[in-house]
Protein backbone atom coordinates (compact mmCIF):
# COMPACT_ATOMS: atom_id res chain seq x y z
CA MET A 1 173.46 -79.99 194.58
CA LEU A 2 176.06 -80.98 191.86
CA ASN A 3 174.46 -84.37 192.00
CA VAL A 4 171.16 -83.44 190.83
CA LEU A 5 172.91 -81.11 188.13
CA ARG A 6 175.06 -83.95 187.32
CA ARG A 7 171.60 -85.44 186.68
CA GLN A 8 169.77 -83.35 184.89
CA LEU A 9 172.88 -83.44 182.39
CA LYS A 10 172.85 -86.11 181.80
CA GLU A 11 168.52 -86.82 181.49
CA ALA A 12 169.24 -83.81 179.22
CA LEU A 13 171.75 -85.11 176.91
CA ALA A 14 170.22 -88.22 176.45
CA LEU A 15 166.91 -86.57 174.53
CA GLN A 16 169.75 -85.37 172.11
CA PRO A 17 169.51 -81.30 171.92
CA ALA A 18 170.55 -80.24 168.59
CA THR A 19 170.53 -76.48 169.80
CA MET A 20 171.58 -74.85 173.40
CA ALA A 21 168.39 -73.91 173.28
CA GLN A 22 166.71 -77.56 172.83
CA LEU A 23 169.07 -78.02 175.66
CA ASN A 24 167.85 -75.63 178.08
CA GLU A 25 164.29 -76.82 177.06
CA HIS A 26 165.45 -80.15 178.33
CA PHE A 27 166.65 -78.65 181.39
CA GLN A 28 163.87 -77.49 182.57
CA LYS A 29 162.16 -80.88 182.28
CA PHE A 30 163.95 -81.84 184.89
CA PRO A 31 163.65 -79.93 187.88
CA TYR A 32 165.36 -81.34 191.56
CA SER A 33 161.15 -82.75 191.98
CA GLU A 34 161.92 -84.91 188.83
CA ILE A 35 165.14 -85.67 189.42
CA ALA A 36 163.90 -86.93 192.95
CA LYS A 37 161.35 -89.49 191.52
CA ILE A 38 163.53 -90.81 189.20
CA TRP A 39 166.30 -91.73 192.11
CA HIS A 40 163.16 -93.11 194.45
CA THR A 41 161.88 -95.13 191.11
CA GLU A 42 165.56 -96.31 191.09
CA ARG A 43 166.14 -96.83 194.83
CA GLU A 44 162.56 -99.19 194.40
CA GLU A 45 163.64 -101.23 192.00
CA LYS A 46 166.99 -102.16 193.07
CA GLU A 47 165.48 -103.31 196.25
CA LYS A 48 163.14 -105.34 194.49
CA TRP A 49 166.40 -106.89 192.65
CA LYS A 50 168.36 -108.00 195.97
CA LEU A 51 164.85 -109.11 197.21
CA THR A 52 164.78 -111.38 194.05
CA HIS A 53 168.80 -112.27 193.25
CA LEU A 54 170.93 -112.03 196.35
CA PRO A 55 171.88 -115.58 197.84
CA PRO A 56 171.17 -114.85 201.99
CA ILE A 57 167.73 -113.60 201.07
CA LEU A 58 167.28 -116.62 198.85
CA GLU A 59 168.74 -118.47 201.56
CA LEU A 60 166.40 -117.18 203.77
CA LYS A 61 162.91 -117.45 201.98
CA LYS A 62 164.16 -120.62 201.47
CA GLU A 63 164.11 -121.87 205.09
CA ARG A 64 161.60 -119.87 206.65
CA SER A 65 158.83 -120.36 203.85
CA GLU A 66 157.81 -123.44 205.40
CA GLU A 67 157.84 -122.38 208.63
CA VAL A 68 155.44 -119.58 207.75
CA LEU A 69 153.07 -121.59 205.72
CA SER A 70 152.50 -124.08 208.77
CA LEU A 71 152.21 -120.52 210.83
CA ILE A 72 149.71 -119.34 208.73
CA ARG A 73 147.51 -122.70 208.36
CA GLN A 74 147.17 -123.09 211.78
CA HIS A 75 146.09 -119.25 212.11
CA ARG A 76 143.46 -119.94 210.18
CA ILE A 77 142.40 -123.16 211.67
CA ASN A 78 141.71 -121.15 214.95
CA VAL A 79 139.87 -118.35 213.77
CA LEU A 80 137.72 -121.35 212.08
CA LEU A 81 137.61 -122.74 216.01
CA ARG A 82 136.87 -119.38 217.49
CA GLY A 83 133.68 -118.78 215.31
CA ALA A 84 133.23 -115.37 213.78
CA LYS A 85 131.51 -112.25 215.73
CA PHE A 86 128.93 -110.60 213.95
CA PRO A 87 127.27 -107.11 214.81
CA LYS A 88 123.68 -107.23 216.00
CA TYR A 89 121.91 -104.11 216.42
CA THR A 90 119.66 -103.43 218.93
CA ALA A 91 117.33 -100.71 219.57
CA ARG A 92 119.84 -99.99 223.12
CA GLY A 93 122.65 -100.00 220.68
CA GLN A 94 125.26 -102.80 218.97
CA VAL A 95 125.73 -106.48 220.55
CA CYS A 96 128.34 -108.54 219.16
CA VAL A 97 126.78 -111.68 218.74
CA ARG A 98 129.43 -115.09 217.94
CA VAL A 99 128.47 -117.55 215.55
CA SER A 100 130.49 -121.13 216.21
């Protein structure tokens, strides 16, 4: 609760109110739900930054990228080799037809 109040005060003072009435108005613009959204956005930005800047993450991406690309390529080839199944509707119902 204290953290919410602290954040409300910070956000309200950032708008530079000239009077106590304006400060009260600014406080009402930042209810708990708004503060929770701000915190959620900040957490997401922090996580995105970590994924793009932390050395262990970068090293893992570098090590695994070749392997992942190879797996994707192999999966695509396997799908092409298996052929595709398309639904064919008959009077009795649906029947899958394989095209290869």
